[in-house]
């Protein structure tokens, strides 16, 4: 990953979901609602046509590759600024009236070879329909830890990432203090980040089975665009 926050250029890590053009066009308003309400990894997305290659995935005929920014991109940005990040687990976070309440499920990254959010989505355990309808639902997130003395620097970087459309941080805890009842060691600060695959989870919830690959490959940041442009770009590609 080569993304430079200062220059807003370079490669970022993306997830890819393979979806028929007509299905994606019908689902676009719901997907954009997930972005609009802040349940996505930033505000940027990508669309890749048949025959294009992302990582080792070649987009099949009559299909589009829908790209979402992977939350591991945030690890790369912090690391580039001298802040090491420990990824602890992926989980389902319960929302009540749009506020994070508690984790209802967690899968530790060191205990599985699967992406936890892929597993939650395929199992039908998310509830984005409720999240965008009335603020009561379950969304996919990741839990990270950073050195306690880097907290102020992280918050500064969060603001710059938001300006670049990569604002995937949901909560930042306090040094050595539990975050949403998750213990955090002394000398560390807990962080909750939004899951990158979240926008496509709503398709699975509404009966559309899709094929998704987390951390599918690297894409130039310049190839991404704000979610507000999604429907217009789909019309051009159709």
Protein backbone atom coordinates (compact mmCIF):
# COMPACT_ATOMS: atom_id res chain seq x y z
CA UNK A 1 0.00 0.00 0.00
CA UNK A 2 1.48 3.34 -1.10
CA UNK A 3 -1.28 5.83 -0.25
CA UNK A 4 0.01 9.23 0.87
CA UNK A 5 -2.44 11.18 3.01
CA UNK A 6 -0.62 14.44 2.32
CA UNK A 7 -0.77 14.00 -1.47
CA UNK A 8 -4.00 11.96 -1.59
CA UNK A 9 -2.51 9.59 -4.10
CA UNK A 10 -1.14 6.06 -4.19
CA UNK A 11 -2.72 2.64 -3.68
CA UNK A 12 -5.28 1.61 -1.09
CA UNK A 13 -6.60 -1.86 -0.21
CA UNK A 14 -10.07 -2.72 -1.49
CA UNK A 15 -12.66 -5.44 -1.07
CA UNK A 16 -14.42 -6.61 -4.22
CA UNK A 17 -18.00 -7.84 -4.58
CA UNK A 18 -19.15 -9.34 -7.88
CA UNK A 19 -22.68 -8.22 -8.70
CA UNK A 20 -24.83 -8.22 -11.84
CA UNK A 21 -25.27 -4.73 -13.26
CA UNK A 22 -29.06 -4.70 -12.93
CA UNK A 23 -28.94 -5.95 -9.34
CA UNK A 24 -26.39 -3.34 -8.34
CA UNK A 25 -28.43 -0.58 -9.98
CA UNK A 26 -31.53 -1.61 -8.02
CA UNK A 27 -29.57 -1.81 -4.77
CA UNK A 28 -27.70 1.48 -5.27
CA UNK A 29 -30.11 3.63 -3.18
CA UNK A 30 -29.82 1.26 -0.19
CA UNK A 31 -26.06 1.04 -0.53
CA UNK A 32 -25.77 4.83 -0.67
CA UNK A 33 -27.93 5.06 2.46
CA UNK A 34 -25.38 2.94 4.33
CA UNK A 35 -22.68 5.41 3.26
CA UNK A 36 -24.83 8.45 4.01
CA UNK A 37 -25.50 7.35 7.59
CA UNK A 38 -21.85 6.69 8.35
CA UNK A 39 -21.89 2.89 8.50
CA UNK A 40 -19.27 2.48 5.76
CA UNK A 41 -15.47 2.68 5.63
CA UNK A 42 -15.36 6.28 4.50
CA UNK A 43 -17.30 7.74 1.59
CA UNK A 44 -15.34 6.38 -1.38
CA UNK A 45 -16.08 3.42 -3.64
CA UNK A 46 -15.01 1.96 -6.97
CA UNK A 47 -16.69 0.29 -9.94
CA UNK A 48 -14.84 -2.09 -12.24
CA UNK A 49 -16.19 -3.38 -15.53
CA UNK A 50 -16.09 -6.84 -17.13
CA UNK A 51 -12.55 -7.93 -17.94
CA UNK A 52 -10.88 -5.55 -15.49
CA UNK A 53 -8.53 -7.10 -12.96
CA UNK A 54 -8.29 -6.23 -9.27
CA UNK A 55 -5.67 -8.25 -7.44
CA UNK A 56 -6.12 -11.77 -8.80
CA UNK A 57 -9.83 -11.26 -9.56
CA UNK A 58 -10.93 -10.75 -13.16
CA UNK A 59 -14.43 -9.27 -13.37
CA UNK A 60 -16.65 -11.75 -15.29
CA UNK A 61 -18.90 -10.81 -18.24
CA UNK A 62 -22.26 -9.18 -17.41
CA UNK A 63 -20.93 -8.41 -13.94
CA UNK A 64 -19.50 -5.39 -12.17
CA UNK A 65 -16.87 -5.37 -9.49
CA UNK A 66 -18.09 -3.17 -6.65
CA UNK A 67 -15.07 -1.98 -4.66
CA UNK A 68 -15.16 -0.80 -1.06
CA UNK A 69 -12.15 0.46 0.86
CA UNK A 70 -10.87 -2.19 3.27
CA UNK A 71 -10.46 -1.00 6.85
CA UNK A 72 -6.92 -2.41 6.91
CA UNK A 73 -6.09 0.67 4.82
CA UNK A 74 -6.35 2.65 8.07
CA UNK A 75 -3.64 0.47 9.60
CA UNK A 76 -1.41 1.34 6.66
CA UNK A 77 -2.00 5.07 7.01
CA UNK A 78 -1.27 5.04 10.76
CA UNK A 79 1.83 2.92 10.23
CA UNK A 80 3.07 5.36 7.59
CA UNK A 81 2.86 8.04 10.28
CA UNK A 82 4.85 5.99 12.79
CA UNK A 83 1.90 4.50 14.70
CA UNK A 84 1.91 0.68 14.93
CA UNK A 85 -1.56 -0.91 15.01
CA UNK A 86 -2.65 -4.23 16.47
CA UNK A 87 -5.81 -5.68 14.90
CA UNK A 88 -7.61 -7.63 17.63
CA UNK A 89 -10.91 -8.89 16.24
CA UNK A 90 -13.84 -8.35 13.93
CA UNK A 91 -17.26 -8.11 15.50
CA UNK A 92 -20.92 -7.27 15.21
CA UNK A 93 -21.76 -4.04 16.97
CA UNK A 94 -25.28 -3.39 18.22
CA UNK A 95 -26.73 0.06 17.58
CA UNK A 96 -29.60 1.63 19.47
CA UNK A 97 -30.91 4.96 18.22
CA UNK A 98 -27.80 5.17 16.05
CA UNK A 99 -25.43 4.90 19.04
CA UNK A 100 -22.94 2.03 19.56
CA UNK A 101 -24.04 -0.05 22.56
CA UNK A 102 -22.15 -3.36 22.75
CA UNK A 103 -20.55 -6.16 20.80
CA UNK A 104 -22.92 -9.07 20.25
CA UNK A 105 -20.41 -11.31 18.42
CA UNK A 106 -16.63 -11.28 17.98
CA UNK A 107 -14.12 -13.40 16.06
CA UNK A 108 -10.45 -12.87 16.86
CA UNK A 109 -8.22 -12.42 13.85
CA UNK A 110 -5.58 -14.78 15.27
CA UNK A 111 -8.18 -17.54 15.63
CA UNK A 112 -9.44 -17.76 12.05
CA UNK A 113 -8.22 -17.78 8.46
CA UNK A 114 -11.54 -16.27 7.32
CA UNK A 115 -12.45 -12.61 7.34
CA UNK A 116 -14.86 -12.26 10.32
CA UNK A 117 -17.13 -9.79 8.56
CA UNK A 118 -17.45 -12.07 5.53
CA UNK A 119 -18.59 -14.81 7.92
CA UNK A 120 -21.12 -12.57 9.67
CA UNK A 121 -22.54 -11.29 6.38
CA UNK A 122 -22.86 -14.73 4.77
CA UNK A 123 -24.53 -16.04 7.93
CA UNK A 124 -27.20 -13.33 7.81
CA UNK A 125 -26.22 -11.94 11.22
CA UNK A 126 -26.02 -8.25 10.27
CA UNK A 127 -28.94 -5.82 10.39
CA UNK A 128 -28.26 -2.84 8.17
CA UNK A 129 -31.90 -2.58 7.17
CA UNK A 130 -32.70 -1.69 10.77
CA UNK A 131 -29.63 0.51 11.10
CA UNK A 132 -30.59 2.74 8.16
CA UNK A 133 -34.34 2.64 8.89
CA UNK A 134 -34.46 3.59 12.57
CA UNK A 135 -30.91 3.41 13.91
CA UNK A 136 -31.42 0.06 15.65
CA UNK A 137 -29.37 -2.72 14.08
CA UNK A 138 -26.08 -4.63 13.93
CA UNK A 139 -23.09 -3.51 11.85
CA UNK A 140 -19.69 -5.02 11.17
CA UNK A 141 -16.67 -3.39 12.79
CA UNK A 142 -13.06 -4.11 13.67
CA UNK A 143 -11.28 -3.54 16.98
CA UNK A 144 -7.76 -2.10 16.92
CA UNK A 145 -5.20 -1.11 19.55
CA UNK A 146 -2.57 1.63 19.27
CA UNK A 147 0.08 2.90 21.71
CA UNK A 148 -1.52 5.10 24.37
CA UNK A 149 0.81 8.03 23.74
CA UNK A 150 -0.29 8.17 20.09
CA UNK A 151 -3.95 8.94 20.87
CA UNK A 152 -3.79 12.67 20.09
CA UNK A 153 -1.91 12.01 16.87
CA UNK A 154 -4.48 9.40 15.84
CA UNK A 155 -7.34 11.86 16.38
CA UNK A 156 -5.52 14.41 14.25
CA UNK A 157 -5.09 11.85 11.46
CA UNK A 158 -8.76 10.86 11.73
CA UNK A 159 -9.79 14.38 10.74
CA UNK A 160 -7.44 14.37 7.75
CA UNK A 161 -8.70 10.94 6.67
CA UNK A 162 -12.30 12.18 6.78
CA UNK A 163 -11.37 15.00 4.42
CA UNK A 164 -9.94 12.38 2.04
CA UNK A 165 -13.12 10.28 2.18
CA UNK A 166 -11.49 7.56 4.29
CA UNK A 167 -13.10 8.32 7.64
CA UNK A 168 -13.62 4.80 8.95
CA UNK A 169 -13.02 5.41 12.66
CA UNK A 170 -16.12 5.03 14.81
CA UNK A 171 -14.81 5.28 18.39
CA UNK A 172 -11.48 6.08 20.05
CA UNK A 173 -11.08 5.01 23.67
CA UNK A 174 -8.84 6.24 26.48
CA UNK A 175 -5.46 4.78 27.43
CA UNK A 176 -5.78 1.52 29.36
CA UNK A 177 -9.57 1.89 29.62
CA UNK A 178 -12.17 -0.61 28.33
CA UNK A 179 -13.99 0.38 25.16
CA UNK A 180 -17.56 -0.94 24.83
CA UNK A 181 -16.70 -3.38 27.64
CA UNK A 182 -13.65 -4.73 25.76
CA UNK A 183 -10.56 -4.69 28.03
CA UNK A 184 -7.56 -2.76 26.75
CA UNK A 185 -4.04 -3.37 28.18
CA UNK A 186 -2.10 -0.66 29.98
CA UNK A 187 -0.16 1.44 27.54
CA UNK A 188 -2.68 0.86 24.75
CA UNK A 189 -5.75 2.67 23.43
CA UNK A 190 -8.71 0.87 21.88
CA UNK A 191 -10.26 1.93 18.56
CA UNK A 192 -13.38 0.74 16.75
CA UNK A 193 -13.26 0.97 12.95
CA UNK A 194 -16.08 0.48 10.44
CA UNK A 195 -15.99 -2.71 8.38
CA UNK A 196 -15.19 -2.26 4.71
CA UNK A 197 -17.74 -4.82 3.45
CA UNK A 198 -20.64 -3.16 5.27
CA UNK A 199 -22.28 -1.52 2.22
CA UNK A 200 -22.82 -4.87 0.46
CA UNK A 201 -24.16 -6.64 3.56
CA UNK A 202 -27.55 -5.07 2.98
CA UNK A 203 -27.86 -7.01 -0.31
CA UNK A 204 -27.44 -10.32 1.51
CA UNK A 205 -30.03 -9.21 4.07
CA UNK A 206 -32.56 -8.51 1.34
CA UNK A 207 -32.12 -11.88 -0.39
CA UNK A 208 -29.39 -11.25 -2.96
CA UNK A 209 -26.48 -13.69 -2.64
CA UNK A 210 -23.22 -12.15 -3.77
CA UNK A 211 -19.60 -13.17 -3.97
CA UNK A 212 -17.28 -10.90 -1.98
CA UNK A 213 -13.56 -11.01 -1.34
CA UNK A 214 -12.06 -9.02 1.53
CA UNK A 215 -8.62 -7.49 0.89
CA UNK A 216 -8.96 -8.39 -2.79
CA UNK A 217 -6.15 -6.15 -4.00
CA UNK A 218 -4.62 -2.72 -4.35
CA UNK A 219 -6.24 0.08 -6.34
CA UNK A 220 -5.09 3.60 -7.07
CA UNK A 221 -6.91 6.09 -4.85
CA UNK A 222 -7.61 8.20 -7.94
CA UNK A 223 -9.87 5.41 -9.28
CA UNK A 224 -12.25 5.77 -6.33
CA UNK A 225 -15.11 8.25 -6.22
CA UNK A 226 -17.66 9.57 -3.67
CA UNK A 227 -20.74 7.41 -3.14
CA UNK A 228 -22.96 10.30 -4.29
CA UNK A 229 -21.76 9.60 -7.85
CA UNK A 230 -22.67 5.90 -7.79
CA UNK A 231 -26.02 5.96 -9.63
CA UNK A 232 -24.73 8.28 -12.36
CA UNK A 233 -21.66 6.13 -12.99
CA UNK A 234 -23.79 2.99 -13.12
CA UNK A 235 -25.92 4.51 -15.87
CA UNK A 236 -22.80 5.21 -17.92
CA UNK A 237 -21.45 1.67 -17.42
CA UNK A 238 -24.78 -0.06 -18.17
